Protein backbone atom coordinates (compact mmCIF):
# COMPACT_ATOMS: atom_id res chain seq x y z
CA MET A 1 -0.08 -0.14 0.00
CA ALA A 2 1.55 3.24 -1.18
CA THR A 3 1.95 6.08 1.72
CA ALA A 4 2.20 10.05 1.47
CA ASP A 5 5.85 9.28 1.65
CA ASP A 6 6.56 6.44 -0.91
CA GLU A 7 9.57 6.85 -2.85
CA ARG A 8 8.80 4.33 -5.70
CA PHE A 9 7.76 7.23 -7.74
CA ASP A 10 10.13 9.57 -6.92
CA GLY A 11 12.02 8.56 -10.60
CA MET A 12 9.33 8.81 -12.53
CA LEU A 13 7.95 12.17 -11.09
CA LEU A 14 11.81 13.54 -11.25
CA GLY A 15 11.60 12.51 -14.93
CA MET A 16 8.52 14.87 -15.32
CA ALA A 17 9.87 17.47 -13.52
CA GLN A 18 12.84 17.26 -16.23
CA GLN A 19 10.75 17.70 -19.18
CA HIS A 20 8.78 21.04 -17.53
CA ASP A 21 11.13 24.23 -18.29
CA GLY A 22 8.59 26.39 -16.40
CA GLY A 23 9.18 24.51 -13.05
CA VAL A 24 7.14 23.72 -10.31
CA GLN A 25 4.55 25.77 -11.70
CA GLN A 26 4.04 24.46 -14.71
CA LEU A 27 4.46 20.59 -13.34
CA ILE A 28 1.61 21.36 -10.63
CA ASP A 29 -0.53 22.68 -13.51
CA THR A 30 -0.03 19.26 -15.42
CA PHE A 31 -1.43 17.30 -12.11
CA PHE A 32 -4.31 19.80 -12.19
CA SER A 33 -5.08 19.54 -16.26
CA PHE A 34 -4.82 16.11 -15.62
CA LEU A 35 -7.33 15.53 -12.69
CA ARG A 36 -9.67 18.09 -14.51
CA ARG A 37 -9.65 15.87 -18.00
CA LYS A 38 -9.46 12.42 -16.64
CA THR A 39 -10.88 12.25 -13.38
CA ASP A 40 -14.30 13.91 -11.86
CA PHE A 41 -11.92 15.16 -8.92
CA PHE A 42 -13.54 18.63 -9.64
CA THR A 43 -17.32 17.79 -10.12
CA GLY A 44 -17.63 14.53 -8.41
CA ALA A 45 -17.69 15.45 -4.74
CA GLU A 46 -19.36 18.29 -2.99
CA LYS A 47 -18.87 21.28 -3.50
CA GLY A 48 -15.64 23.13 -1.68
CA ARG A 49 -14.12 19.37 -1.15
CA ALA A 50 -11.56 18.91 -3.79
CA GLN A 51 -10.32 22.55 -2.72
CA GLN A 52 -10.61 21.36 0.99
CA LEU A 53 -8.48 17.79 -0.05
CA VAL A 54 -5.94 19.92 -1.68
CA MET A 55 -5.19 22.56 1.19
CA ASP A 56 -5.23 19.83 3.93
CA ASN A 57 -2.61 17.71 1.99
CA PHE A 58 -0.58 21.47 1.06
CA LYS A 59 -0.75 22.07 5.27
CA LYS A 60 0.18 18.48 6.05
CA HIS A 61 3.50 18.56 3.43
CA GLN A 62 4.34 22.10 4.32
CA GLN A 63 4.82 21.34 8.07
CA LYS A 64 6.68 18.65 7.30
CA ALA A 65 8.65 20.36 5.32
CA LEU A 66 8.97 22.88 7.78
CA GLU A 67 9.94 20.28 10.40
CA VAL A 68 12.88 19.14 7.97
CA GLN A 69 14.07 22.38 7.65
CA LYS A 70 14.10 23.18 11.68
CA LYS A 71 15.99 20.06 11.61
CA LYS A 72 18.65 20.89 9.15
CA GLN A 73 19.23 24.46 10.88
CA GLU A 74 19.70 22.77 14.46
CA GLU A 75 21.94 20.41 12.80
CA SER A 76 24.08 23.57 10.90
CA GLU A 77 23.79 25.25 14.63
CA ARG A 78 25.25 22.65 16.35
CA ALA A 79 28.36 21.67 13.99
CA LYS A 80 29.11 25.69 14.08
CA LYS A 81 29.27 25.34 17.55
CA ALA A 82 31.29 22.53 17.66
CA LYS A 83 33.52 23.97 15.06
CA GLU A 84 33.81 26.94 17.36
CA GLU A 85 34.48 25.58 20.55
CA LYS A 86 37.31 23.04 18.47
CA LYS A 87 39.04 26.53 17.16
CA ARG A 88 38.71 28.31 20.47
CA LYS A 89 40.82 25.28 22.38
CA GLU A 90 43.23 25.00 19.50
CA ALA A 91 43.94 29.29 20.05
CA GLU A 92 43.99 28.49 23.61
CA LYS A 93 46.24 25.84 23.16
CA MET A 94 48.51 27.89 20.79
CA MET A 95 48.33 31.04 22.98
CA SER A 96 49.76 28.95 26.23
CA GLU A 97 52.33 27.41 24.15
CA SER A 98 53.76 30.71 22.74
CA ASP A 99 53.43 32.34 26.24
CA THR A 100 55.79 30.15 27.85
CA ALA A 101 59.28 31.55 27.68
CA GLN A 102 61.52 29.55 29.90
CA ILE A 103 65.15 31.21 30.74
CA LYS A 104 67.73 28.30 31.64
CA GLU A 105 71.19 29.32 33.47
CA LEU A 106 74.16 27.62 31.50
CA THR A 107 77.36 26.45 32.60
CA ASP A 108 80.35 27.58 31.17
CA GLU A 109 81.05 24.30 29.79
CA GLU A 110 77.42 24.08 28.16
CA ALA A 111 77.96 27.35 27.12
CA GLU A 112 81.21 26.72 25.42
CA GLN A 113 79.47 23.56 23.74
CA LEU A 114 76.49 25.54 22.80
CA GLN A 115 78.25 28.10 20.84
CA LYS A 116 80.38 25.16 19.34
CA GLU A 117 76.96 23.59 17.87
CA LEU A 118 75.82 27.30 16.73
CA ASP A 119 79.01 27.83 14.89
CA SER A 120 78.76 24.37 13.05
CA LYS A 121 75.30 24.46 12.09
CA LYS A 122 76.08 28.09 10.70
CA MET A 123 78.47 27.05 8.58
CA LYS A 124 76.67 23.90 7.19
CA LYS A 125 74.04 26.38 6.10
CA GLU A 126 76.50 28.76 4.45
CA ASP A 127 77.96 25.77 2.29
CA ALA A 128 74.42 24.84 1.55
CA ASN A 129 73.34 28.77 0.54
CA SER A 130 76.32 28.50 -1.74
CA GLN A 131 75.51 25.92 -3.96
CA PRO A 132 73.89 27.62 -7.56
CA PRO A 133 70.06 26.75 -8.09
CA THR A 134 70.71 24.61 -10.98
CA VAL A 135 72.22 21.86 -8.85
CA LYS A 136 69.44 21.45 -6.73
CA LYS A 137 66.93 21.78 -9.36
CA GLU A 138 68.84 18.64 -11.03
CA GLU A 139 68.57 16.68 -8.06
CA LYS A 140 65.15 17.12 -7.68
CA LYS A 141 64.65 16.09 -11.65
CA ALA A 142 66.85 13.06 -10.45
CA ASP A 143 64.71 12.16 -7.19
CA LYS A 144 61.72 12.40 -9.64
CA LYS A 145 62.74 9.92 -12.38
CA ASP A 146 63.80 7.10 -10.15
CA GLY A 147 60.45 7.40 -8.51
CA SER A 148 61.71 8.53 -4.89
CA ASP A 149 59.56 11.32 -4.66
CA GLU A 150 56.54 8.54 -4.99
CA GLU A 151 55.42 7.74 -1.52
CA GLU A 152 55.38 4.07 -1.05
CA GLU A 153 52.10 2.16 -1.03
CA ASP A 154 50.77 0.38 2.12
CA GLU A 155 50.13 -3.30 1.50
CA ASP A 156 46.56 -2.65 1.73
CA ASP A 157 46.88 -0.10 -0.78
CA LYS A 158 48.26 -1.91 -3.57
CA GLY A 159 46.10 -2.85 -6.63
CA LYS A 160 43.59 0.04 -5.74
CA LEU A 161 43.15 2.65 -8.76
CA LYS A 162 44.33 6.16 -8.52
CA PRO A 163 41.37 8.83 -8.54
CA ASN A 164 41.11 10.84 -11.36
CA ALA A 165 41.15 14.54 -11.66
CA GLY A 166 37.92 14.57 -10.14
CA ASN A 167 39.05 12.56 -7.24
CA GLY A 168 36.39 9.65 -8.49
CA CYS A 169 36.91 7.55 -11.73
CA ASP A 170 36.90 6.77 -15.11
CA LEU A 171 35.06 3.65 -15.91
CA GLU A 172 34.04 1.77 -19.41
CA ASN A 173 30.50 2.92 -18.90
CA TYR A 174 30.63 6.05 -17.13
CA SER A 175 32.71 8.33 -15.02
CA TRP A 176 32.24 9.91 -11.65
CA THR A 177 33.63 12.78 -9.44
CA GLN A 178 33.63 14.01 -6.15
CA THR A 179 33.55 16.60 -3.40
CA LEU A 180 33.11 15.48 0.11
CA GLN A 181 29.31 16.81 -0.07
CA GLU A 182 28.60 15.12 -3.09
CA LEU A 183 29.20 13.12 -6.31
CA ASP A 184 28.47 13.71 -10.20
CA VAL A 185 28.32 10.55 -12.73
CA ARG A 186 27.87 11.76 -16.44
CA ILE A 187 27.02 8.29 -18.14
CA PRO A 188 27.33 8.50 -22.38
CA SER A 189 24.21 7.44 -24.36
CA PRO A 190 24.81 4.29 -25.80
CA ILE A 191 22.61 5.28 -29.01
CA PRO A 192 22.67 9.07 -30.41
CA ARG A 193 20.35 11.75 -30.47
CA ILE A 194 18.27 10.64 -26.93
CA LYS A 195 15.60 12.50 -25.21
CA SER A 196 14.42 12.80 -21.60
CA ARG A 197 11.58 10.85 -22.25
CA ASP A 198 13.82 7.61 -22.99
CA VAL A 199 15.75 8.12 -19.45
CA ILE A 200 15.02 5.80 -16.82
CA VAL A 201 16.54 6.90 -13.39
CA GLU A 202 15.94 5.50 -10.21
CA PHE A 203 17.12 6.60 -7.30
CA THR A 204 16.75 5.17 -3.58
CA LYS A 205 18.89 5.80 -0.47
CA ARG A 206 21.39 3.13 -1.23
CA THR A 207 20.50 1.46 -4.64
CA LEU A 208 20.84 3.27 -8.38
CA LYS A 209 19.10 2.31 -11.84
CA VAL A 210 20.19 4.25 -15.06
CA GLY A 211 19.41 3.13 -18.43
CA LEU A 212 16.92 3.92 -21.64
CA LYS A 213 13.61 2.41 -22.23
CA GLY A 214 14.05 -0.78 -24.40
CA HIS A 215 17.77 -1.48 -23.22
CA PRO A 216 19.38 -3.27 -20.61
CA PRO A 217 20.42 -0.99 -17.58
CA ILE A 218 23.84 0.96 -17.98
CA ILE A 219 23.93 1.31 -13.80
CA ASP A 220 21.83 -1.02 -11.73
CA GLY A 221 23.07 -2.08 -8.07
CA GLU A 222 24.17 -0.72 -5.06
CA LEU A 223 25.43 2.26 -4.07
CA CYS A 224 28.91 2.39 -2.23
CA LYS A 225 26.98 4.50 0.30
CA GLU A 226 24.13 6.10 1.13
CA ILE A 227 22.59 9.40 -0.54
CA LYS A 228 19.97 12.05 0.13
CA ILE A 229 17.15 11.30 -2.63
CA GLU A 230 15.24 14.65 -2.00
CA GLU A 231 18.84 16.33 -2.91
CA SER A 232 19.66 14.17 -5.84
CA PHE A 233 18.82 15.08 -9.51
CA TRP A 234 19.62 14.15 -13.36
CA THR A 235 19.66 16.10 -16.29
CA LEU A 236 20.45 15.33 -20.18
CA GLN A 237 23.10 17.18 -22.00
CA ASP A 238 23.71 17.68 -25.47
CA ASN A 239 20.68 14.82 -25.63
CA LYS A 240 23.93 12.25 -25.24
CA ILE A 241 25.45 12.51 -21.64
CA ILE A 242 23.02 11.49 -18.90
CA ALA A 243 24.47 13.65 -15.86
CA LEU A 244 23.62 12.74 -11.95
CA ASN A 245 24.13 14.79 -9.33
CA MET A 246 23.45 13.25 -5.85
CA GLU A 247 24.19 14.67 -2.27
CA LYS A 248 25.95 12.28 0.30
CA VAL A 249 24.51 11.60 3.58
CA ASN A 250 27.93 11.58 5.15
CA GLN A 251 29.78 14.74 4.21
CA MET A 252 32.86 13.96 5.81
CA GLU A 253 34.08 10.95 4.01
CA TRP A 254 35.34 10.14 0.71
CA TRP A 255 33.88 7.20 -1.48
CA ASN A 256 36.65 4.39 -2.45
CA ARG A 257 33.73 3.60 -5.23
CA LEU A 258 30.24 4.59 -6.47
CA MET A 259 28.64 1.16 -6.83
CA ALA A 260 29.61 -1.54 -4.94
CA THR A 261 30.74 -3.65 -7.66
CA ASP A 262 33.07 -0.89 -9.19
CA PRO A 263 36.64 -1.08 -8.44
CA GLU A 264 38.10 0.41 -5.34
CA ILE A 265 40.31 3.68 -5.78
CA ASN A 266 43.00 4.94 -3.17
CA THR A 267 41.57 7.41 -1.20
CA LYS A 268 44.62 8.43 0.13
CA LYS A 269 45.45 9.92 -2.75
CA VAL A 270 42.39 12.29 -3.06
CA GLN A 271 43.63 15.87 -3.60
CA PRO A 272 40.65 18.15 -2.57
CA GLU A 273 40.65 21.69 -3.58
CA ASN A 274 42.62 24.13 -1.96
CA SER A 275 40.46 26.71 -0.03
CA LYS A 276 41.44 30.16 -0.71
CA LEU A 277 42.28 32.38 1.84
CA SER A 278 39.33 34.89 0.95
CA ASP A 279 36.85 32.28 1.47
CA LEU A 280 37.72 31.65 5.21
CA ASP A 281 36.51 33.18 8.51
CA GLY A 282 38.75 35.89 10.09
CA GLU A 283 39.73 33.58 12.61
CA THR A 284 40.78 30.63 10.39
CA ARG A 285 42.35 32.86 8.12
CA GLY A 286 44.70 34.32 10.87
CA MET A 287 45.63 31.03 11.81
CA VAL A 288 46.52 30.00 8.40
CA GLU A 289 48.20 33.12 7.47
CA LYS A 290 50.60 32.49 11.08
CA MET A 291 51.38 28.89 9.73
CA MET A 292 52.32 30.47 6.04
CA TYR A 293 54.22 32.90 7.80
CA ASP A 294 56.14 30.48 10.26
CA GLN A 295 56.82 28.08 7.47
CA ARG A 296 58.64 30.99 5.34
CA GLN A 297 60.60 32.09 8.28
CA LYS A 298 61.79 28.34 8.62
CA GLN A 299 62.86 28.19 5.26
CA MET A 300 65.28 31.12 5.64
CA GLY A 301 66.34 30.21 8.87
CA LEU A 302 64.84 32.93 10.48
CA PRO A 303 62.72 33.02 13.87
CA THR A 304 59.25 32.21 13.77
CA SER A 305 56.32 34.20 15.03
CA ASP A 306 56.25 32.00 18.74
CA ASP A 307 60.47 32.55 18.77
CA GLN A 308 59.66 36.32 18.20
CA LYS A 309 57.32 36.57 20.80
CA LYS A 310 59.25 34.55 23.17
CA GLN A 311 62.38 37.25 22.32
CA GLU A 312 59.63 40.11 22.87
CA LEU A 313 59.10 38.44 26.56
CA LEU A 314 62.41 37.54 27.26
CA ASN A 315 63.50 41.30 26.42
CA LYS A 316 60.98 42.53 28.20
CA PHE A 317 62.05 40.88 31.47
CA MET A 318 65.88 41.59 31.08
CA ALA A 319 64.76 45.69 30.84
CA GLN A 320 62.95 45.37 34.06
CA HIS A 321 65.64 43.65 35.84
CA PRO A 322 68.53 45.22 34.86
CA GLU A 323 70.52 43.50 37.80
CA MET A 324 70.45 40.03 36.62
CA ASP A 325 73.16 38.55 34.00
CA PHE A 326 71.27 37.50 31.06
CA SER A 327 74.59 36.53 28.94
CA LYS A 328 74.15 32.66 29.10
CA ALA A 329 70.78 32.73 29.10
CA GLN A 330 69.05 30.21 26.62
CA ILE A 331 65.00 30.34 25.72
CA ASN A 332 63.86 26.86 25.78
């Protein structure tokens, strides 16, 4: 027995919606046109009954939609608060570490040994800097040729496919790509010049069927993981490509295959698109810029922002206690 939320007809209804250029308004008009022409919906019951039936169902589904929307907003708020709490703890930890500057008194022997180590490191650095840039480039090229820049694969990852440019896989009958949130599938038609009404697409949370009327299914089976049916759809591109967009239920993991029977890709080699600094919120952007600055400083052999802060604290302490001897002080 069908229920109000029966998903069996979603594929059929989505196919109908795809053929209405006027969107939802035109789709609803088609439904009422069908009821007027093919049924006694408007005339078979007492006056006002058809209108009341429409309004009752409208209110019922509107309430459900509002409840789903409210739930999503609450989940978004919880995720936002958890993210802010994580950032706050990381910032507190970073501040506590950077504010700790210890002063250690060295013996004459320790001071002499430390000076020898510093002189040795300085000489090595000067020798390294004296090498021509071309030598370093040639060394890097040689490394790439013998494959030494490639990470050694784990035993469990051997035999897995390398992801395509979209972090998915190119297969014989279709290709797919992914982000953490969604999947895109492109299925070339086995016959030329198809129309929307020729296409069969059926979504469920864990299965997918795609094909053409009168032909064997191109895809028909169990998905690797669950998708959100209400956020998934398909379109026909240039009358020859069936394009699917599906939203993942779990948006914190990479899929290692689209269908359960597909060959597996190595998700450790997935390369997510780098976020632009301008896209980040102020606090996160500040942390990223600090990390980038510290990395550049280390590459040039200069003090990081934390080192600079510790030195400032030491200078301030020295100014407040001129009676103390800081000639052998070491910052840890």
